[in-house]
Protein backbone atom coordinates (compact mmCIF):
# COMPACT_ATOMS: atom_id res chain seq x y z
CA UNK A 1 -10.49 11.17 -29.49
CA UNK A 2 -8.04 8.76 -30.66
CA UNK A 3 -5.82 11.47 -32.35
CA UNK A 4 -5.89 13.37 -29.10
CA UNK A 5 -4.72 10.30 -27.16
CA UNK A 6 -1.91 9.62 -29.67
CA UNK A 7 -0.98 13.34 -29.36
CA UNK A 8 -0.96 13.10 -25.53
CA UNK A 9 1.07 10.00 -25.52
CA UNK A 10 3.52 11.53 -28.07
CA UNK A 11 4.03 14.63 -25.69
CA UNK A 12 4.50 12.38 -22.64
CA UNK A 13 7.37 10.47 -24.36
CA UNK A 14 8.84 13.63 -25.60
CA UNK A 15 8.97 14.75 -22.10
CA UNK A 16 10.51 11.53 -20.80
CA UNK A 17 13.06 11.69 -23.47
CA UNK A 18 14.12 15.35 -23.21
CA UNK A 19 13.73 15.56 -19.16
CA UNK A 20 14.93 11.97 -18.27
CA UNK A 21 15.31 13.17 -14.69
CA UNK A 22 11.78 12.82 -14.22
CA UNK A 23 11.68 9.46 -15.75
CA UNK A 24 12.07 6.20 -13.44
CA UNK A 25 15.71 5.73 -12.44
CA UNK A 26 16.73 2.10 -12.21
CA UNK A 27 19.73 1.08 -10.20
CA UNK A 28 19.95 -2.50 -10.21
CA UNK A 29 18.95 -3.39 -13.81
CA UNK A 30 22.10 -3.71 -15.88
CA UNK A 31 24.25 -2.86 -12.61
CA UNK A 32 27.63 -4.66 -13.00
CA UNK A 33 27.83 -5.13 -9.32
CA UNK A 34 24.49 -7.01 -9.29
CA UNK A 35 25.43 -8.96 -12.55
CA UNK A 36 28.66 -9.97 -10.69
CA UNK A 37 27.08 -11.29 -7.61
CA UNK A 38 24.54 -13.18 -9.56
CA UNK A 39 27.35 -15.34 -10.91
CA UNK A 40 28.64 -15.95 -7.22
CA UNK A 41 25.41 -16.92 -5.56
CA UNK A 42 26.50 -20.48 -4.91
CA UNK A 43 27.16 -22.10 -1.53
CA UNK A 44 30.73 -21.97 -2.13
CA UNK A 45 30.77 -18.29 -1.87
CA UNK A 46 28.63 -18.16 1.35
CA UNK A 47 31.30 -17.98 4.05
CA UNK A 48 32.98 -14.98 2.02
CA UNK A 49 29.34 -13.38 1.72
CA UNK A 50 28.85 -13.79 5.52
CA UNK A 51 32.17 -12.18 6.31
CA UNK A 52 31.51 -9.20 4.08
CA UNK A 53 27.93 -8.76 5.65
CA UNK A 54 29.19 -9.09 9.28
CA UNK A 55 31.69 -6.29 8.54
CA UNK A 56 29.01 -4.10 6.52
CA UNK A 57 26.74 -4.53 9.64
CA UNK A 58 29.40 -3.41 12.13
CA UNK A 59 30.40 -0.42 10.02
CA UNK A 60 26.59 0.63 9.80
CA UNK A 61 26.06 0.24 13.59
CA UNK A 62 29.42 0.81 15.65
CA UNK A 63 27.56 -0.11 18.78
CA UNK A 64 26.62 -3.79 17.30
CA UNK A 65 28.53 -6.32 19.03
CA UNK A 66 30.84 -8.46 16.60
CA UNK A 67 28.73 -11.44 17.88
CA UNK A 68 25.41 -9.92 16.72
CA UNK A 69 26.85 -8.62 13.49
CA UNK A 70 28.04 -12.40 12.67
CA UNK A 71 24.73 -13.76 13.74
CA UNK A 72 22.76 -11.43 11.50
CA UNK A 73 24.86 -11.95 8.47
CA UNK A 74 24.61 -15.90 9.19
CA UNK A 75 20.69 -15.51 9.42
CA UNK A 76 20.62 -13.43 6.12
CA UNK A 77 22.61 -15.96 4.28
CA UNK A 78 20.66 -18.87 5.61
CA UNK A 79 17.27 -17.30 5.13
CA UNK A 80 18.09 -15.94 1.57
CA UNK A 81 19.06 -19.38 0.36
CA UNK A 82 15.62 -20.46 1.31
CA UNK A 83 13.98 -17.70 -0.60
CA UNK A 84 16.50 -17.42 -3.43
CA UNK A 85 17.21 -13.89 -2.78
CA UNK A 86 20.43 -12.01 -2.93
CA UNK A 87 21.97 -11.80 0.58
CA UNK A 88 23.50 -8.41 -0.10
CA UNK A 89 20.24 -7.10 -1.33
CA UNK A 90 18.76 -8.11 2.20
CA UNK A 91 21.76 -6.90 3.97
CA UNK A 92 21.51 -3.39 2.06
CA UNK A 93 17.76 -3.15 2.99
CA UNK A 94 18.37 -3.93 6.69
CA UNK A 95 21.21 -1.17 6.80
CA UNK A 96 18.76 1.35 5.06
CA UNK A 97 15.79 0.35 7.09
CA UNK A 98 16.91 0.32 10.48
CA UNK A 99 20.70 1.01 10.69
CA UNK A 100 21.05 -2.61 11.77
CA UNK A 101 19.14 -1.92 15.11
CA UNK A 102 16.91 -5.18 15.94
CA UNK A 103 14.83 -3.12 18.24
CA UNK A 104 14.22 -0.30 15.67
CA UNK A 105 10.54 1.13 15.64
CA UNK A 106 9.20 3.93 13.26
CA UNK A 107 5.82 4.23 14.41
CA UNK A 108 4.25 1.48 12.25
CA UNK A 109 7.30 -0.57 11.36
CA UNK A 110 9.47 -2.94 13.35
CA UNK A 111 12.80 -4.39 13.72
CA UNK A 112 15.83 -4.90 11.36
CA UNK A 113 13.74 -4.79 8.15
CA UNK A 114 11.03 -2.36 9.26
CA UNK A 115 8.16 -4.63 8.88
CA UNK A 116 4.80 -2.76 8.89
CA UNK A 117 2.70 -5.12 11.29
CA UNK A 118 -0.73 -3.50 10.76
CA UNK A 119 -0.48 -3.75 7.04
CA UNK A 120 0.74 -7.28 6.94
CA UNK A 121 -0.80 -8.82 10.29
CA UNK A 122 -3.33 -10.67 8.42
CA UNK A 123 -0.84 -12.78 6.40
CA UNK A 124 2.28 -13.05 8.54
CA UNK A 125 0.85 -15.51 11.21
CA UNK A 126 -0.49 -17.78 8.42
CA UNK A 127 2.96 -18.05 6.74
CA UNK A 128 4.96 -17.84 9.76
CA UNK A 129 2.57 -19.37 12.69
CA UNK A 130 5.31 -18.49 15.42
CA UNK A 131 4.88 -14.75 14.69
CA UNK A 132 1.77 -13.68 16.48
CA UNK A 133 2.32 -10.13 17.42
CA UNK A 134 4.57 -6.88 16.46
CA UNK A 135 6.77 -7.82 19.47
CA UNK A 136 7.88 -10.94 17.50
CA UNK A 137 9.24 -8.68 14.80
CA UNK A 138 11.73 -7.22 17.31
CA UNK A 139 13.74 -10.31 17.20
CA UNK A 140 16.35 -10.80 14.39
CA UNK A 141 15.39 -14.37 13.09
CA UNK A 142 11.42 -13.77 12.75
CA UNK A 143 12.23 -10.18 11.11
CA UNK A 144 14.59 -11.35 8.69
CA UNK A 145 12.45 -14.28 7.76
CA UNK A 146 9.35 -11.95 7.06
CA UNK A 147 11.14 -9.24 5.30
CA UNK A 148 13.10 -11.66 3.01
CA UNK A 149 9.91 -13.52 2.24
CA UNK A 150 8.32 -10.04 1.38
CA UNK A 151 11.29 -9.04 -0.76
CA UNK A 152 11.01 -12.74 -2.47
CA UNK A 153 7.34 -12.16 -3.27
CA UNK A 154 7.92 -8.58 -4.56
CA UNK A 155 10.76 -10.00 -6.89
CA UNK A 156 8.37 -12.55 -8.11
CA UNK A 157 5.96 -10.14 -8.80
CA UNK A 158 8.34 -7.65 -10.68
CA UNK A 159 9.64 -10.75 -12.70
CA UNK A 160 13.22 -10.18 -11.11
CA UNK A 161 13.43 -6.38 -11.61
CA UNK A 162 15.03 -5.56 -8.38
CA UNK A 163 14.34 -1.79 -8.55
CA UNK A 164 10.51 -2.53 -8.98
CA UNK A 165 10.69 -5.23 -6.16
CA UNK A 166 12.24 -2.37 -3.95
CA UNK A 167 9.46 -0.01 -4.61
CA UNK A 168 6.97 -2.68 -3.70
CA UNK A 169 8.87 -3.51 -0.59
CA UNK A 170 8.75 0.21 0.33
CA UNK A 171 5.27 0.67 -0.66
CA UNK A 172 6.07 3.63 -3.11
CA UNK A 173 8.65 4.51 -5.68
CA UNK A 174 11.44 6.59 -4.09
CA UNK A 175 14.54 7.18 -6.21
CA UNK A 176 16.83 8.03 -3.21
CA UNK A 177 15.85 4.81 -1.58
CA UNK A 178 16.62 2.70 -4.54
CA UNK A 179 19.96 4.74 -5.01
CA UNK A 180 20.86 4.14 -1.14
CA UNK A 181 20.10 0.38 -1.44
CA UNK A 182 22.25 0.13 -4.56
CA UNK A 183 25.12 2.11 -2.92
CA UNK A 184 25.26 -0.15 0.11
CA UNK A 185 24.99 -3.15 -2.21
CA UNK A 186 27.89 -1.83 -4.25
CA UNK A 187 29.92 -1.30 -1.03
CA UNK A 188 29.59 -4.93 -0.30
CA UNK A 189 30.58 -5.96 -3.67
CA UNK A 190 33.73 -4.00 -3.50
CA UNK A 191 34.58 -5.76 -0.13
CA UNK A 192 33.61 -9.17 -1.40
CA UNK A 193 35.91 -8.67 -4.40
CA UNK A 194 38.87 -7.51 -2.10
CA UNK A 195 38.90 -10.73 -0.12
């Protein structure tokens, strides 16, 4: 039996080596954009990050008012500081999940960060007593708080591995999801560098 297990493991490793497209694809681990921003996490960079996110949100949702885009960006910056989460990561999740639409609904998920109320309704009011129903998630502040908290917990659980945390946040591993989040992230980093 042990010989069979070793042979099976060798076959699996061979397949992963020969056919890497079937293996797990990580976009953030080792990403130069992510490493660049981790060195620029301090408060002194906050005003520039807010401007970058404001403009990014406006590009993702052209019908968004400039006031709303700036408000969302400032909220993301402030809330991310509370939970020690990269603001550009949260902004990228917002763009992917809702196209920056505060009232977005997709059946079971609500708001900017598409929070699944049914799956999380037991713990959300305990951690955030002011959030008592799914309707509360259709407002920017509570939605970003809950989504950022969830991402924070996912990052803790994955020991800082962003791709694994995104899988946890999404509820399953989807390569295209991680790729799109990283693409949005890289777009903001390019804008940040150019300012």
